[in-house]
Amino acid sequence: MSLLPKELIKEIVKKGNFKSATDIQEALKDLMKEFIQESLEAELDTQLGYEKYSKKEDCENSRNGYSKKKVKSSFGEIELDIPRDRNSEFEPKIVPKYSRDISNLEEKVISMYGLGMSTRDINKHVQEI
């Protein structure tokens, strides 16, 4: 089972102008970064009870920017923007605080995505681990 439809992969290859395996690895690294970033945003959405750019009138907590964090992965070093909340209650599950190596996480996320799980479903599963 492929993670992406074959037509989408063909389109990415045409537009990517890959000249080496390193170019492909960099593209996969960027894809992984975006996937993890979206998962972090979904985690905070779940905790706060509303999505980014939505207004919630009686909210005791809200978003408060991002902190940068570099993590090691099987694709190399990835810099993430970890979302924060005003009350400092957000404890990311997909990339826990003080964690700097996510190599094993990548394999789990890729396999879950390959099985057709959504970002929110993967986020819920990772929180249970």
Protein backbone atom coordinates (compact mmCIF):
# COMPACT_ATOMS: atom_id res chain seq x y z
CA MET A 1 0.00 0.00 0.00
CA SER A 2 1.45 3.35 -1.05
CA LEU A 3 1.36 6.42 1.18
CA LEU A 4 0.49 8.65 -1.76
CA PRO A 5 -1.40 8.02 -4.98
CA LYS A 6 0.91 7.17 -7.88
CA GLU A 7 -0.27 10.23 -9.86
CA LEU A 8 0.73 12.54 -7.00
CA ILE A 9 4.16 10.90 -6.74
CA LYS A 10 4.67 11.34 -10.51
CA GLU A 11 3.73 15.01 -10.21
CA ILE A 12 6.14 15.54 -7.31
CA VAL A 13 8.96 13.86 -9.25
CA LYS A 14 8.29 16.02 -12.33
CA LYS A 15 8.23 19.27 -10.36
CA GLY A 16 10.99 18.26 -7.94
CA ASN A 17 13.67 18.01 -10.61
CA PHE A 18 15.56 15.44 -8.50
CA LYS A 19 19.12 14.80 -9.65
CA SER A 20 20.27 12.44 -6.89
CA ALA A 21 19.15 10.28 -4.01
CA THR A 22 20.18 13.15 -1.71
CA ASP A 23 17.61 15.41 -3.40
CA ILE A 24 14.92 12.81 -2.77
CA GLN A 25 16.00 12.43 0.85
CA GLU A 26 15.77 16.21 1.36
CA ALA A 27 12.26 16.18 -0.10
CA LEU A 28 11.28 13.37 2.30
CA LYS A 29 12.82 15.32 5.19
CA ASP A 30 10.70 18.35 4.27
CA LEU A 31 7.60 16.16 4.03
CA MET A 32 8.29 14.65 7.45
CA LYS A 33 8.81 18.12 8.96
CA GLU A 34 5.48 19.32 7.59
CA PHE A 35 3.70 16.20 8.81
CA ILE A 36 5.10 16.53 12.34
CA GLN A 37 4.36 20.27 12.35
CA GLU A 38 0.71 19.64 11.42
CA SER A 39 0.48 16.94 14.09
CA LEU A 40 1.75 19.38 16.73
CA GLU A 41 -0.84 21.95 15.63
CA ALA A 42 -3.57 19.28 15.84
CA GLU A 43 -2.44 18.38 19.36
CA LEU A 44 -2.74 21.99 20.52
CA ASP A 45 -6.12 22.34 18.74
CA THR A 46 -7.35 19.31 20.69
CA GLN A 47 -6.08 20.63 24.01
CA LEU A 48 -7.45 24.14 23.57
CA GLY A 49 -10.74 22.99 22.06
CA TYR A 50 -10.60 25.17 18.97
CA GLU A 51 -8.65 25.40 15.72
CA LYS A 52 -6.06 28.01 14.86
CA TYR A 53 -7.53 31.35 13.69
CA SER A 54 -10.90 30.51 15.27
CA LYS A 55 -12.31 32.77 17.94
CA LYS A 56 -13.50 31.26 21.19
CA GLU A 57 -15.17 33.73 23.51
CA ASP A 58 -14.81 32.18 26.97
CA CYS A 59 -11.36 30.65 26.57
CA GLU A 60 -9.09 30.60 29.61
CA ASN A 61 -6.07 29.55 27.54
CA SER A 62 -4.93 30.47 24.04
CA ARG A 63 -2.06 30.13 21.61
CA ASN A 64 1.15 31.99 22.38
CA GLY A 65 3.51 31.66 19.43
CA TYR A 66 6.19 29.06 18.89
CA SER A 67 9.55 27.89 20.19
CA LYS A 68 12.21 26.49 17.90
CA LYS A 69 13.49 22.96 18.49
CA LYS A 70 16.04 20.94 16.53
CA VAL A 71 15.56 17.17 16.51
CA LYS A 72 17.55 14.32 14.99
CA SER A 73 15.77 12.08 12.54
CA SER A 74 16.70 9.36 10.10
CA PHE A 75 16.63 12.08 7.41
CA GLY A 76 19.00 14.35 9.34
CA GLU A 77 18.40 17.30 11.62
CA ILE A 78 14.94 18.90 11.44
CA GLU A 79 14.03 22.27 12.93
CA LEU A 80 10.49 22.38 14.26
CA ASP A 81 8.31 25.22 15.52
CA ILE A 82 6.70 23.87 18.68
CA PRO A 83 3.41 25.69 19.41
CA ARG A 84 2.95 27.21 22.88
CA ASP A 85 -0.04 28.19 24.95
CA ARG A 86 -0.36 31.13 27.34
CA ASN A 87 -0.75 28.98 30.47
CA SER A 88 2.27 26.78 29.58
CA GLU A 89 0.11 23.67 29.93
CA PHE A 90 0.78 22.23 26.47
CA GLU A 91 2.84 19.04 26.68
CA PRO A 92 3.43 17.77 23.13
CA LYS A 93 3.09 13.99 22.81
CA ILE A 94 4.39 13.49 19.29
CA VAL A 95 7.67 15.30 20.10
CA PRO A 96 7.84 15.34 23.91
CA LYS A 97 9.62 18.10 25.80
CA TYR A 98 13.37 17.49 26.15
CA SER A 99 13.27 14.83 23.41
CA ARG A 100 15.88 15.40 20.70
CA ASP A 101 15.80 12.12 18.71
CA ILE A 102 12.67 11.19 16.77
CA SER A 103 14.09 8.44 14.54
CA ASN A 104 11.77 5.72 15.87
CA LEU A 105 8.81 8.10 15.77
CA GLU A 106 9.20 8.57 12.01
CA GLU A 107 8.79 4.87 11.33
CA LYS A 108 5.61 4.72 13.42
CA VAL A 109 4.09 7.84 11.85
CA ILE A 110 4.87 6.68 8.30
CA SER A 111 3.34 3.25 8.91
CA MET A 112 0.18 4.75 10.47
CA TYR A 113 -0.15 7.23 7.60
CA GLY A 114 0.33 4.35 5.17
CA LEU A 115 -2.60 2.58 6.80
CA GLY A 116 -4.76 5.59 5.99
CA MET A 117 -4.91 7.23 9.42
CA SER A 118 -5.52 10.97 9.51
CA THR A 119 -3.23 13.43 11.29
CA ARG A 120 -5.71 13.68 14.16
CA ASP A 121 -5.98 9.87 14.45
CA ILE A 122 -2.19 9.55 14.50
CA ASN A 123 -2.02 12.28 17.14
CA LYS A 124 -4.52 10.40 19.34
CA HIS A 125 -2.60 7.15 18.89
CA VAL A 126 0.76 8.75 19.75
CA GLN A 127 -0.77 10.27 22.90
CA GLU A 128 -1.78 6.77 24.01
CA ILE A 129 1.76 5.38 23.57
